Protein backbone atom coordinates (compact mmCIF):
# COMPACT_ATOMS: atom_id res chain seq x y z
CA LEU A 1 159.21 -44.38 -64.13
CA ALA A 2 158.58 -41.27 -66.25
CA ARG A 3 156.18 -40.26 -69.34
CA GLY A 4 157.67 -39.70 -72.49
CA ASP A 5 157.56 -36.17 -72.08
CA GLY A 6 159.99 -36.69 -68.71
CA THR A 7 156.94 -36.37 -66.21
CA PRO A 8 157.78 -38.78 -63.34
CA LEU A 9 155.40 -41.41 -62.13
CA TYR A 10 154.37 -42.84 -58.90
CA PRO A 11 156.88 -45.75 -58.88
CA LEU A 12 159.53 -43.13 -58.85
CA THR A 13 157.95 -40.17 -56.96
CA ASN A 14 156.90 -42.70 -53.81
CA PRO A 15 160.48 -43.87 -53.21
CA LEU A 16 162.02 -40.72 -53.53
CA ASP A 17 159.86 -38.72 -51.48
CA ASP A 18 160.02 -41.28 -48.57
CA ALA A 19 163.94 -41.44 -49.13
CA LEU A 20 163.94 -37.66 -48.89
CA MET A 21 161.94 -38.06 -45.39
CA GLY A 22 163.90 -40.17 -44.16
CA ILE A 23 161.31 -43.03 -43.43
CA THR A 24 162.84 -46.20 -42.21
CA ASP A 25 159.74 -48.61 -41.94
CA VAL A 26 156.88 -49.00 -44.48
CA LEU A 27 153.77 -50.85 -43.65
CA ARG A 28 151.24 -51.37 -46.52
CA GLY A 29 148.70 -53.84 -48.09
CA GLU A 30 149.91 -57.32 -49.61
CA ASP A 31 148.71 -56.43 -52.69
CA LEU A 32 151.91 -54.03 -53.00
CA LEU A 33 154.04 -56.96 -52.59
CA PRO A 34 154.94 -57.74 -56.14
CA SER A 35 156.37 -53.95 -56.39
CA THR A 36 158.60 -54.27 -53.63
CA PRO A 37 161.96 -55.65 -55.35
CA ARG A 38 161.62 -52.82 -58.01
CA GLN A 39 161.10 -50.04 -54.84
CA ILE A 40 164.31 -51.63 -53.04
CA ALA A 41 166.24 -51.28 -56.58
CA LEU A 42 165.28 -47.79 -56.99
CA LEU A 43 166.29 -46.99 -53.11
CA GLU A 44 169.54 -48.77 -53.80
CA ALA A 45 170.09 -46.60 -56.86
CA LEU A 46 169.05 -43.38 -54.64
CA GLN A 47 171.45 -44.06 -52.54
CA ARG A 48 174.45 -44.54 -54.56
CA VAL A 49 173.47 -40.39 -55.97
CA GLY A 50 173.56 -39.67 -52.41
CA ILE A 51 169.94 -39.65 -51.43
CA GLY A 52 168.66 -41.57 -48.61
CA ASN A 53 169.90 -44.38 -46.86
CA GLY A 54 169.12 -47.39 -48.96
CA PRO A 55 165.95 -49.81 -48.84
CA PHE A 56 163.61 -49.54 -45.82
CA ARG A 57 162.50 -52.63 -43.79
CA TYR A 58 159.07 -53.35 -45.46
CA GLY A 59 155.77 -55.11 -43.93
CA HIS A 60 152.96 -56.36 -46.18
CA LEU A 61 149.82 -56.48 -44.27
CA PRO A 62 146.69 -58.41 -45.21
CA LEU A 63 143.57 -56.50 -47.00
CA VAL A 64 140.91 -55.13 -45.06
CA THR A 65 137.55 -56.67 -46.82
CA GLY A 66 134.07 -54.99 -46.97
CA GLU A 67 130.41 -56.32 -47.67
CA GLY A 68 130.52 -59.65 -49.28
CA ASN A 69 134.35 -60.02 -48.38
CA ARG A 70 135.42 -57.98 -51.15
CA LYS A 71 138.79 -55.70 -50.95
CA LEU A 72 137.84 -52.39 -49.09
CA SER A 73 138.45 -50.21 -52.43
CA LYS A 74 139.37 -46.33 -51.80
CA ARG A 75 135.86 -45.70 -53.39
CA ASP A 76 133.85 -47.68 -51.20
CA PRO A 77 131.88 -45.51 -48.74
CA GLN A 78 133.16 -47.44 -45.94
CA SER A 79 136.93 -46.13 -46.84
CA ASN A 80 135.96 -42.61 -46.66
CA ILE A 81 137.40 -41.13 -43.30
CA PHE A 82 135.45 -37.94 -43.57
CA HIS A 83 132.12 -39.72 -43.78
CA TYR A 84 133.05 -41.24 -40.18
CA ARG A 85 134.07 -37.56 -38.77
CA GLU A 86 130.82 -36.15 -40.24
CA ARG A 87 128.82 -38.93 -37.97
CA GLY A 88 130.79 -37.71 -34.83
CA PHE A 89 133.35 -41.13 -34.65
CA VAL A 90 135.87 -39.52 -32.49
CA PRO A 91 139.85 -40.17 -33.30
CA GLU A 92 140.37 -42.18 -30.25
CA GLY A 93 137.53 -44.59 -31.28
CA LEU A 94 138.03 -44.86 -34.84
CA LEU A 95 141.96 -45.55 -34.26
CA ASN A 96 141.02 -48.13 -31.67
CA TYR A 97 138.73 -50.64 -33.97
CA LEU A 98 140.92 -49.66 -37.09
CA ALA A 99 143.89 -51.24 -34.96
CA LEU A 100 141.75 -54.34 -34.20
CA LEU A 101 141.53 -55.31 -37.98
CA GLY A 102 144.17 -57.83 -37.38
CA TRP A 103 145.55 -57.16 -33.92
CA ALA A 104 144.47 -57.62 -30.47
CA ILE A 105 145.71 -56.07 -27.48
CA ALA A 106 144.56 -58.84 -25.14
CA GLU A 107 142.36 -61.88 -25.84
CA ASP A 108 139.59 -60.49 -23.66
CA ARG A 109 139.65 -56.69 -24.42
CA ASP A 110 138.66 -54.44 -27.27
CA VAL A 111 138.53 -50.79 -26.11
CA PHE A 112 142.31 -49.12 -25.34
CA THR A 113 143.56 -45.63 -25.12
CA MET A 114 145.94 -44.60 -28.17
CA ALA A 115 148.69 -44.69 -25.19
CA GLU A 116 147.84 -48.43 -24.19
CA MET A 117 148.06 -49.26 -28.01
CA VAL A 118 151.45 -47.49 -28.84
CA GLU A 119 153.09 -49.53 -25.36
CA ALA A 120 151.28 -52.72 -26.65
CA PHE A 121 151.51 -52.96 -30.29
CA ASP A 122 153.81 -55.28 -32.09
CA ILE A 123 153.86 -55.69 -35.69
CA THR A 124 154.98 -59.64 -35.28
CA ARG A 125 151.05 -60.43 -33.78
CA VAL A 126 149.42 -58.80 -36.59
CA SER A 127 147.47 -61.76 -38.09
CA SER A 128 148.02 -62.56 -41.73
CA ASN A 129 144.41 -63.27 -42.29
CA ALA A 130 142.17 -60.66 -44.28
CA ALA A 131 140.05 -58.66 -41.81
CA ARG A 132 136.45 -57.62 -42.03
CA PHE A 133 135.66 -53.89 -41.66
CA ASP A 134 132.52 -54.48 -39.38
CA LEU A 135 130.63 -51.18 -38.79
CA LYS A 136 128.52 -52.60 -35.94
CA LYS A 137 131.72 -53.22 -33.91
CA ALA A 138 133.26 -49.84 -35.11
CA GLU A 139 130.40 -47.78 -33.62
CA ALA A 140 130.50 -50.22 -30.37
CA ILE A 141 133.93 -49.22 -30.08
CA ASN A 142 133.09 -45.64 -30.71
CA ALA A 143 130.23 -45.34 -28.23
CA ALA A 144 132.78 -46.98 -25.52
CA HIS A 145 134.89 -43.89 -26.33
CA LEU A 146 132.16 -41.52 -25.75
CA ARG A 147 131.24 -43.06 -22.60
CA ALA A 148 134.67 -42.59 -21.09
CA LEU A 149 134.93 -38.75 -21.81
CA PRO A 150 134.81 -36.49 -19.17
CA VAL A 151 131.19 -34.74 -19.54
CA GLU A 152 132.88 -31.27 -19.68
CA GLU A 153 135.09 -33.09 -23.11
CA PHE A 154 131.96 -34.74 -24.52
CA ALA A 155 129.88 -31.44 -24.29
CA ARG A 156 132.59 -29.50 -25.98
CA ARG A 157 132.85 -32.00 -28.91
CA VAL A 158 128.88 -32.29 -29.44
CA GLU A 159 128.81 -28.51 -30.12
CA PRO A 160 130.17 -28.91 -33.47
CA TYR A 161 127.26 -30.93 -34.42
CA LEU A 162 124.51 -29.07 -33.17
CA GLU A 163 125.96 -26.44 -35.33
CA ALA A 164 125.60 -28.84 -38.23
CA GLU A 165 122.03 -29.21 -37.03
CA GLY A 166 121.40 -25.44 -37.82
CA VAL A 167 120.90 -24.76 -34.13
CA ILE A 168 124.05 -23.21 -32.90
CA THR A 169 126.04 -20.38 -34.73
CA GLY A 170 129.62 -20.26 -34.20
CA THR A 171 130.63 -20.04 -30.90
CA PRO A 172 128.02 -21.12 -28.41
CA THR A 173 126.66 -18.23 -26.00
CA GLU A 174 126.94 -18.87 -22.25
CA GLU A 175 123.46 -19.78 -22.12
CA GLN A 176 123.68 -22.48 -24.87
CA ARG A 177 126.86 -23.71 -23.38
CA ALA A 178 124.84 -23.95 -19.84
CA LEU A 179 122.25 -25.93 -21.25
CA LEU A 180 124.57 -28.30 -23.16
CA ALA A 181 126.57 -28.44 -20.21
CA ALA A 182 123.32 -29.34 -18.18
CA ALA A 183 121.88 -31.59 -21.01
CA ALA A 184 124.97 -33.80 -21.92
CA PRO A 185 124.98 -36.19 -18.96
CA LEU A 186 121.59 -37.22 -20.48
CA VAL A 187 122.52 -38.44 -23.97
CA GLN A 188 126.53 -39.35 -23.08
CA GLU A 189 125.45 -42.98 -22.58
CA ARG A 190 123.14 -43.24 -25.17
CA SER A 191 124.92 -42.07 -28.24
CA VAL A 192 127.23 -43.94 -30.35
CA VAL A 193 128.28 -41.49 -32.54
CA LEU A 194 128.30 -37.55 -31.66
CA SER A 195 125.96 -36.77 -34.19
CA ASP A 196 123.18 -38.80 -32.19
CA ALA A 197 123.75 -37.03 -29.19
CA ALA A 198 123.33 -33.59 -31.55
CA ARG A 199 120.04 -34.94 -32.74
CA MET A 200 119.07 -36.19 -29.34
CA LEU A 201 119.40 -32.70 -28.01
CA ARG A 202 118.44 -30.33 -30.87
CA PHE A 203 114.79 -29.76 -29.52
CA LEU A 204 116.36 -27.93 -26.45
CA PHE A 205 118.21 -25.27 -28.63
CA VAL A 206 116.06 -24.58 -31.74
CA PRO A 207 114.03 -21.56 -31.74
CA GLU A 208 110.16 -22.39 -30.91
CA GLU A 209 109.24 -20.99 -34.45
CA GLY A 210 111.50 -23.52 -36.10
CA PHE A 211 110.32 -26.67 -34.02
CA ALA A 212 108.23 -29.22 -35.45
CA PRO A 213 107.99 -33.20 -34.74
CA ASP A 214 109.57 -35.41 -37.01
CA ALA A 215 106.78 -35.95 -39.50
CA ASP A 216 106.92 -40.23 -39.10
CA ALA A 217 107.14 -39.57 -35.29
CA ALA A 218 104.26 -37.22 -35.14
CA GLU A 219 102.16 -39.23 -37.57
CA LYS A 220 102.13 -42.51 -35.42
CA ASN A 221 102.22 -40.61 -32.08
CA LEU A 222 100.13 -37.26 -32.57
CA GLY A 223 96.87 -38.67 -34.21
CA ALA A 224 93.43 -38.07 -32.75
CA ASP A 225 94.23 -41.13 -29.94
CA ALA A 226 96.74 -38.70 -28.75
CA ALA A 227 94.19 -36.01 -28.02
CA PRO A 228 92.98 -37.07 -24.35
CA VAL A 229 96.68 -38.15 -23.22
CA LEU A 230 97.91 -34.53 -24.06
CA GLU A 231 95.12 -33.05 -22.70
CA ALA A 232 95.28 -34.90 -19.44
CA ALA A 233 99.09 -34.20 -19.30
CA LEU A 234 98.54 -30.52 -19.93
CA THR A 235 95.70 -30.64 -16.97
CA GLY A 236 98.13 -32.42 -14.50
CA LEU A 237 101.33 -30.17 -15.50
CA ASP A 238 99.36 -26.96 -15.29
CA ALA A 239 98.94 -27.70 -11.31
CA VAL A 240 102.72 -28.56 -10.74
CA PRO A 241 104.16 -25.81 -8.31
CA GLU A 242 107.62 -26.29 -9.19
CA TRP A 243 109.26 -27.06 -12.54
CA SER A 244 111.14 -29.75 -11.63
CA THR A 245 111.90 -33.49 -12.74
CA GLU A 246 110.51 -34.77 -9.59
CA GLN A 247 107.06 -32.69 -9.85
CA ILE A 248 107.08 -33.41 -13.78
CA GLU A 249 107.10 -37.13 -13.25
CA GLY A 250 104.55 -37.44 -10.43
CA ALA A 251 101.94 -35.15 -12.55
CA LEU A 252 102.53 -37.28 -15.57
CA LYS A 253 102.18 -40.73 -14.02
CA ALA A 254 99.38 -39.66 -11.87
CA ALA A 255 97.35 -38.08 -15.06
CA LEU A 256 98.29 -40.83 -17.67
CA VAL A 257 98.97 -44.06 -15.96
CA ASP A 258 96.90 -43.56 -12.80
CA GLY A 259 94.27 -41.26 -14.44
CA LEU A 260 93.59 -42.70 -17.92
CA GLY A 261 94.87 -46.20 -16.77
CA LEU A 262 97.49 -46.10 -19.42
CA LYS A 263 100.78 -48.40 -20.04
CA PRO A 264 103.86 -46.06 -19.53
CA ARG A 265 105.32 -46.52 -23.48
CA LYS A 266 101.72 -45.43 -24.40
CA ALA A 267 101.16 -42.73 -21.90
CA PHE A 268 104.44 -40.99 -22.71
CA ALA A 269 104.92 -41.39 -26.46
CA PRO A 270 102.55 -38.66 -27.41
CA VAL A 271 104.52 -36.44 -24.83
CA ARG A 272 107.82 -37.18 -25.72
CA VAL A 273 107.01 -36.69 -29.73
CA ALA A 274 104.91 -33.37 -28.98
CA VAL A 275 107.75 -32.01 -26.77
CA SER A 276 111.40 -33.41 -28.04
CA GLY A 277 109.96 -33.94 -31.77
CA ARG A 278 111.42 -37.64 -31.86
CA THR A 279 110.60 -41.11 -30.33
CA VAL A 280 114.18 -40.93 -29.28
CA SER A 281 115.16 -38.81 -26.92
CA PRO A 282 116.64 -37.85 -23.34
CA PRO A 283 114.68 -38.87 -20.52
CA LEU A 284 111.55 -37.15 -20.74
CA TYR A 285 111.14 -35.69 -17.31
CA GLU A 286 114.66 -34.09 -17.44
CA SER A 287 114.09 -32.90 -20.72
CA MET A 288 110.73 -31.25 -19.78
CA GLU A 289 112.91 -29.33 -16.79
CA LEU A 290 115.42 -28.05 -18.93
CA LEU A 291 112.92 -27.03 -21.95
CA GLY A 292 111.30 -25.07 -18.93
CA ARG A 293 107.57 -24.81 -18.54
CA GLU A 294 106.28 -22.48 -20.76
CA ARG A 295 108.18 -23.99 -23.74
CA SER A 296 107.11 -27.87 -22.67
CA LEU A 297 103.47 -26.64 -22.36
CA ALA A 298 103.44 -24.69 -25.54
CA ARG A 299 104.70 -27.67 -27.34
CA LEU A 300 101.96 -30.01 -25.35
CA ARG A 301 99.63 -27.66 -26.95
CA ALA A 302 100.75 -27.39 -30.23
CA GLY A 303 100.84 -31.25 -30.35
CA LEU A 304 97.06 -31.67 -28.66
CA GLU A 305 96.11 -29.11 -31.58
CA ARG A 306 97.55 -31.07 -34.32
CA ALA A 307 95.66 -34.21 -32.59
CA GLY A 308 92.30 -32.39 -33.00
CA GLY A 309 91.90 -31.67 -29.64
CA LEU A 310 91.57 -27.93 -29.35
CA GLY A 311 88.30 -26.42 -30.21
């Protein structure tokens, strides 16, 4: 219970701390079951000297495993809570998934609110079998919670991740907030974690001098064969009288699909990469409307120059 110099060890400090806090119930991993009798004896001894109310009620839960059905160690990256926060898991999404590791709210339902979990949780219904941490399932649960957020709340939660992307500094300006409010609905359904949304929206907020297409995306989509596509897109868009989603869509389809006879994927991929810098972005026409005429056309010209299409 203590080192030779009298310094107390965890087996003493843990039950003492719990007793001082008035803990009544303890749920912990089944690997700690062998130490439970010793903990009970210590709690009884503490009670005899006036500390605490005696032994707690203990429940021991099956372990959570990771890859290869190995016990998920605290040193495993999958068990680092900060990793999930940095990626953009929302608390309610991650807690929802963690609750499913050995328990279920219903046979045909995986997504629920924290209030619903508190109401329905019953320790007697926790499985005695080990549960495996499935990242794909955790992401799917988190995506469902992102879609359920009011769009204003979704936009607010994206702000710190845009700051992490380096395109917003501190409190967003009114202009940045207005742009985010308009763009958030375009990515809410497409986002698995909040950092996904920030990456997809980055092109709208980055200063033009700091904008550059992703290297891999540019290599695959802004080569020499993209030059006639971008040139036709510029010609068509130059004639658009009103810079709106409908006008942009009509001009691009007329220029690339009807005019050049291209299939939509081949027609729009160079435009998407030139404008957003990525192969995955919010809907193209809406993105270009939010980006504005001057910035959109400037990026298309830069893409055309990269493709070797300007003299």
